[in-house]
């Protein structure tokens, strides 16, 4: 099934990002607690800044791990032309003559992967386009307000 391949590609990308981020978080934590980070005076905030950075990086690691977990356990289903769009759907839309492909997932909005030469962008049900697509079927047209104005997306295929 193509969706399993897509999930593997997304998890591989997340794995690479997690590896880099974990190393950065470790380096920041070490910098925050290193002897040379001790304040030289009351205006020296190096240790505090490094501590904030380490905390933010640790939060991002936890967020990415939740996304990996959500993708791992996302029930993948097949969709026909009459089935309403739900989580795990790959939706092909036409936007002013351009074909775009979205994968609806509970987490991981903004991730993207290339599958069989097709760029697929992960969107969540909470995103404006995700919210507009939920419950719709092949052939429906949805309107989404963007910062560039109102856009019309025609649903070409749902799988």
C-alpha atoms as a PDB file:
ATOM      1  CA  UNK A   1       0.000   0.000   0.000  1.00  0.00           C
ATOM      2  CA  UNK A   2       1.366   3.441  -0.917  1.00  0.00           C
ATOM      3  CA  UNK A   3       0.380   4.938   2.427  1.00  0.00           C
ATOM      4  CA  UNK A   4       2.689   2.569   4.282  1.00  0.00           C
ATOM      5  CA  UNK A   5       5.528   3.735   2.037  1.00  0.00           C
ATOM      6  CA  UNK A   6       4.569   7.351   2.707  1.00  0.00           C
ATOM      7  CA  UNK A   7       4.550   6.729   6.471  1.00  0.00           C
ATOM      8  CA  UNK A   8       8.016   5.144   6.236  1.00  0.00           C
ATOM      9  CA  UNK A   9       9.351   8.154   4.295  1.00  0.00           C
ATOM     10  CA  UNK A  10       7.896  10.593   6.826  1.00  0.00           C
ATOM     11  CA  UNK A  11       9.259   8.583   9.756  1.00  0.00           C
ATOM     12  CA  UNK A  12      12.708   8.483   8.157  1.00  0.00           C
ATOM     13  CA  UNK A  13      12.660  12.262   7.770  1.00  0.00           C
ATOM     14  CA  UNK A  14      11.513  12.678  11.365  1.00  0.00           C
ATOM     15  CA  UNK A  15      14.227  10.263  12.503  1.00  0.00           C
ATOM     16  CA  UNK A  16      16.914  12.356  10.812  1.00  0.00           C
ATOM     17  CA  UNK A  17      15.522  15.533  12.338  1.00  0.00           C
ATOM     18  CA  UNK A  18      15.303  13.901  15.770  1.00  0.00           C
ATOM     19  CA  UNK A  19      18.916  12.759  15.636  1.00  0.00           C
ATOM     20  CA  UNK A  20      20.181  16.259  14.856  1.00  0.00           C
ATOM     21  CA  UNK A  21      17.904  17.884  17.416  1.00  0.00           C
ATOM     22  CA  UNK A  22      18.841  15.435  20.186  1.00  0.00           C
ATOM     23  CA  UNK A  23      22.525  16.152  19.584  1.00  0.00           C
ATOM     24  CA  UNK A  24      21.853  19.901  19.654  1.00  0.00           C
ATOM     25  CA  UNK A  25      19.807  19.588  22.847  1.00  0.00           C
ATOM     26  CA  UNK A  26      22.597  17.621  24.507  1.00  0.00           C
ATOM     27  CA  UNK A  27      25.169  20.234  23.479  1.00  0.00           C
ATOM     28  CA  UNK A  28      22.943  23.039  24.791  1.00  0.00           C
ATOM     29  CA  UNK A  29      22.372  21.229  28.083  1.00  0.00           C
ATOM     30  CA  UNK A  30      26.120  20.693  28.475  1.00  0.00           C
ATOM     31  CA  UNK A  31      26.759  24.358  27.673  1.00  0.00           C
ATOM     32  CA  UNK A  32      24.204  25.429  30.274  1.00  0.00           C
ATOM     33  CA  UNK A  33      25.850  23.382  33.015  1.00  0.00           C
ATOM     34  CA  UNK A  34      29.486  23.757  31.970  1.00  0.00           C
ATOM     35  CA  UNK A  35      31.862  25.450  34.391  1.00  0.00           C
ATOM     36  CA  UNK A  36      32.656  28.171  31.854  1.00  0.00           C
ATOM     37  CA  UNK A  37      28.977  29.134  31.726  1.00  0.00           C
ATOM     38  CA  UNK A  38      28.966  30.330  35.306  1.00  0.00           C
ATOM     39  CA  UNK A  39      28.073  34.007  35.374  1.00  0.00           C
ATOM     40  CA  UNK A  40      31.000  36.366  35.701  1.00  0.00           C
ATOM     41  CA  UNK A  41      28.718  39.117  36.985  1.00  0.00           C
ATOM     42  CA  UNK A  42      25.025  39.849  37.518  1.00  0.00           C
ATOM     43  CA  UNK A  43      24.599  40.859  33.849  1.00  0.00           C
ATOM     44  CA  UNK A  44      26.032  37.607  32.437  1.00  0.00           C
ATOM     45  CA  UNK A  45      23.122  35.462  31.217  1.00  0.00           C
ATOM     46  CA  UNK A  46      24.932  32.849  29.114  1.00  0.00           C
ATOM     47  CA  UNK A  47      23.929  29.942  31.349  1.00  0.00           C
ATOM     48  CA  UNK A  48      20.299  31.064  31.512  1.00  0.00           C
ATOM     49  CA  UNK A  49      20.137  31.481  27.724  1.00  0.00           C
ATOM     50  CA  UNK A  50      21.718  28.074  27.142  1.00  0.00           C
ATOM     51  CA  UNK A  51      19.256  26.568  29.627  1.00  0.00           C
ATOM     52  CA  UNK A  52      16.268  28.111  27.796  1.00  0.00           C
ATOM     53  CA  UNK A  53      17.614  26.832  24.487  1.00  0.00           C
ATOM     54  CA  UNK A  54      18.116  23.322  25.871  1.00  0.00           C
ATOM     55  CA  UNK A  55      14.577  23.340  27.255  1.00  0.00           C
ATOM     56  CA  UNK A  56      13.066  24.460  23.947  1.00  0.00           C
ATOM     57  CA  UNK A  57      15.034  21.835  22.048  1.00  0.00           C
ATOM     58  CA  UNK A  58      13.905  19.133  24.475  1.00  0.00           C
ATOM     59  CA  UNK A  59      10.288  20.252  23.953  1.00  0.00           C
ATOM     60  CA  UNK A  60      10.743  19.996  20.168  1.00  0.00           C
ATOM     61  CA  UNK A  61      12.218  16.491  20.558  1.00  0.00           C
ATOM     62  CA  UNK A  62       9.136  15.416  22.540  1.00  0.00           C
ATOM     63  CA  UNK A  63       6.857  16.950  19.884  1.00  0.00           C
ATOM     64  CA  UNK A  64       8.638  15.092  17.084  1.00  0.00           C
ATOM     65  CA  UNK A  65       8.500  11.845  19.060  1.00  0.00           C
ATOM     66  CA  UNK A  66       4.725  12.307  19.484  1.00  0.00           C
ATOM     67  CA  UNK A  67       4.430  12.806  15.714  1.00  0.00           C
ATOM     68  CA  UNK A  68       6.427   9.639  15.009  1.00  0.00           C
ATOM     69  CA  UNK A  69       4.147   7.756  17.408  1.00  0.00           C
ATOM     70  CA  UNK A  70       0.970   9.213  15.888  1.00  0.00           C
ATOM     71  CA  UNK A  71       2.081   8.173  12.395  1.00  0.00           C
ATOM     72  CA  UNK A  72       3.089   4.718  13.621  1.00  0.00           C
ATOM     73  CA  UNK A  73      -0.350   3.982  15.014  1.00  0.00           C
ATOM     74  CA  UNK A  74      -2.500   5.885  12.506  1.00  0.00           C
ATOM     75  CA  UNK A  75      -5.069   3.451  11.092  1.00  0.00           C
ATOM     76  CA  UNK A  76      -4.610   3.519   7.319  1.00  0.00           C
ATOM     77  CA  UNK A  77      -7.762   3.024   5.325  1.00  0.00           C
ATOM     78  CA  UNK A  78      -8.629   3.009   1.652  1.00  0.00           C
ATOM     79  CA  UNK A  79     -11.021   5.603   0.299  1.00  0.00           C
ATOM     80  CA  UNK A  80     -13.327   5.405  -2.688  1.00  0.00           C
ATOM     81  CA  UNK A  81     -14.785   8.341  -4.635  1.00  0.00           C
ATOM     82  CA  UNK A  82     -17.918   8.436  -2.463  1.00  0.00           C
ATOM     83  CA  UNK A  83     -16.134   8.112   0.882  1.00  0.00           C
ATOM     84  CA  UNK A  84     -15.837  11.256   2.994  1.00  0.00           C
ATOM     85  CA  UNK A  85     -12.340  12.539   3.659  1.00  0.00           C
ATOM     86  CA  UNK A  86     -10.980  11.570   7.082  1.00  0.00           C
ATOM     87  CA  UNK A  87      -7.576  11.108   8.701  1.00  0.00           C
ATOM     88  CA  UNK A  88      -5.192   8.955   6.622  1.00  0.00           C
ATOM     89  CA  UNK A  89      -6.662  10.120   3.312  1.00  0.00           C
ATOM     90  CA  UNK A  90      -4.376  11.174   0.499  1.00  0.00           C
ATOM     91  CA  UNK A  91      -6.269  13.933  -1.275  1.00  0.00           C
ATOM     92  CA  UNK A  92      -5.441  15.206  -4.751  1.00  0.00           C
ATOM     93  CA  UNK A  93      -6.819  18.668  -5.433  1.00  0.00           C
ATOM     94  CA  UNK A  94      -6.785  21.051  -8.362  1.00  0.00           C
ATOM     95  CA  UNK A  95      -5.863  24.630  -7.509  1.00  0.00           C
ATOM     96  CA  UNK A  96      -6.058  26.862 -10.566  1.00  0.00           C
ATOM     97  CA  UNK A  97      -4.778  24.089 -12.833  1.00  0.00           C
ATOM     98  CA  UNK A  98      -2.070  22.887 -10.447  1.00  0.00           C
ATOM     99  CA  UNK A  99      -2.370  19.435  -8.859  1.00  0.00           C
ATOM    100  CA  UNK A 100      -1.540  19.300  -5.151  1.00  0.00           C
ATOM    101  CA  UNK A 101      -1.471  16.235  -2.896  1.00  0.00           C
ATOM    102  CA  UNK A 102      -2.214  16.254   0.819  1.00  0.00           C
ATOM    103  CA  UNK A 103      -1.994  13.532   3.442  1.00  0.00           C
ATOM    104  CA  UNK A 104      -4.295  14.153   6.388  1.00  0.00           C
ATOM    105  CA  UNK A 105      -2.699  13.124   9.688  1.00  0.00           C
ATOM    106  CA  UNK A 106      -3.426  13.971  13.333  1.00  0.00           C
ATOM    107  CA  UNK A 107       0.072  15.482  13.737  1.00  0.00           C
ATOM    108  CA  UNK A 108       3.007  16.450  11.569  1.00  0.00           C
ATOM    109  CA  UNK A 109       1.520  19.298   9.571  1.00  0.00           C
ATOM    110  CA  UNK A 110       4.116  20.780   7.237  1.00  0.00           C
ATOM    111  CA  UNK A 111       6.079  17.571   6.719  1.00  0.00           C
ATOM    112  CA  UNK A 112       6.437  16.524   3.139  1.00  0.00           C
ATOM    113  CA  UNK A 113       7.677  13.561   1.167  1.00  0.00           C
ATOM    114  CA  UNK A 114       8.049  12.490  -2.443  1.00  0.00           C
ATOM    115  CA  UNK A 115       6.335   9.263  -3.318  1.00  0.00           C
ATOM    116  CA  UNK A 116       6.623   7.987  -6.884  1.00  0.00           C
ATOM    117  CA  UNK A 117       7.756  11.477  -7.919  1.00  0.00           C
ATOM    118  CA  UNK A 118       4.723  13.146  -6.346  1.00  0.00           C
ATOM    119  CA  UNK A 119       5.161  15.739  -3.609  1.00  0.00           C
ATOM    120  CA  UNK A 120       2.773  15.010  -0.731  1.00  0.00           C
ATOM    121  CA  UNK A 121       2.309  17.558   2.030  1.00  0.00           C
ATOM    122  CA  UNK A 122       1.068  16.505   5.468  1.00  0.00           C
ATOM    123  CA  UNK A 123      -1.798  18.593   6.790  1.00  0.00           C
ATOM    124  CA  UNK A 124      -3.745  18.259  10.005  1.00  0.00           C
ATOM    125  CA  UNK A 125      -7.516  18.446  10.447  1.00  0.00           C
ATOM    126  CA  UNK A 126      -6.972  21.682  12.404  1.00  0.00           C
ATOM    127  CA  UNK A 127      -5.340  23.488   9.463  1.00  0.00           C
ATOM    128  CA  UNK A 128      -7.580  25.661   7.284  1.00  0.00           C
ATOM    129  CA  UNK A 129      -7.294  23.343   4.259  1.00  0.00           C
ATOM    130  CA  UNK A 130      -7.617  20.222   6.440  1.00  0.00           C
ATOM    131  CA  UNK A 131     -10.730  21.604   8.098  1.00  0.00           C
ATOM    132  CA  UNK A 132     -12.241  22.470   4.703  1.00  0.00           C
ATOM    133  CA  UNK A 133     -11.528  19.014   3.237  1.00  0.00           C
ATOM    134  CA  UNK A 134     -12.842  16.892   6.128  1.00  0.00           C
ATOM    135  CA  UNK A 135     -16.090  15.178   5.235  1.00  0.00           C
ATOM    136  CA  UNK A 136     -15.953  16.184   1.570  1.00  0.00           C
ATOM    137  CA  UNK A 137     -15.796  13.745  -1.349  1.00  0.00           C
ATOM    138  CA  UNK A 138     -14.345  13.535  -4.853  1.00  0.00           C
ATOM    139  CA  UNK A 139     -15.756  16.274  -7.064  1.00  0.00           C
ATOM    140  CA  UNK A 140     -16.495  18.709  -4.229  1.00  0.00           C
ATOM    141  CA  UNK A 141     -15.063  22.215  -4.320  1.00  0.00           C
ATOM    142  CA  UNK A 142     -13.905  23.845  -1.079  1.00  0.00           C
ATOM    143  CA  UNK A 143     -13.003  27.455  -0.456  1.00  0.00           C
ATOM    144  CA  UNK A 144     -10.199  28.375   1.898  1.00  0.00           C
ATOM    145  CA  UNK A 145      -9.315  31.890   3.005  1.00  0.00           C
ATOM    146  CA  UNK A 146      -5.536  32.406   2.837  1.00  0.00           C
ATOM    147  CA  UNK A 147      -3.398  35.494   3.282  1.00  0.00           C
ATOM    148  CA  UNK A 148      -3.382  35.658  -0.533  1.00  0.00           C
ATOM    149  CA  UNK A 149      -7.177  35.727  -0.663  1.00  0.00           C
ATOM    150  CA  UNK A 150      -9.911  33.163  -1.162  1.00  0.00           C
ATOM    151  CA  UNK A 151      -8.777  29.976  -2.921  1.00  0.00           C
ATOM    152  CA  UNK A 152     -10.912  27.257  -4.481  1.00  0.00           C
ATOM    153  CA  UNK A 153      -9.728  23.664  -4.354  1.00  0.00           C
ATOM    154  CA  UNK A 154     -11.481  21.008  -6.417  1.00  0.00           C
ATOM    155  CA  UNK A 155     -11.143  17.526  -4.972  1.00  0.00           C
ATOM    156  CA  UNK A 156      -9.916  15.345  -7.838  1.00  0.00           C
ATOM    157  CA  UNK A 157      -9.210  12.077  -6.038  1.00  0.00           C
ATOM    158  CA  UNK A 158      -9.238  10.603  -2.543  1.00  0.00           C
ATOM    159  CA  UNK A 159      -7.311   7.453  -1.726  1.00  0.00           C
END
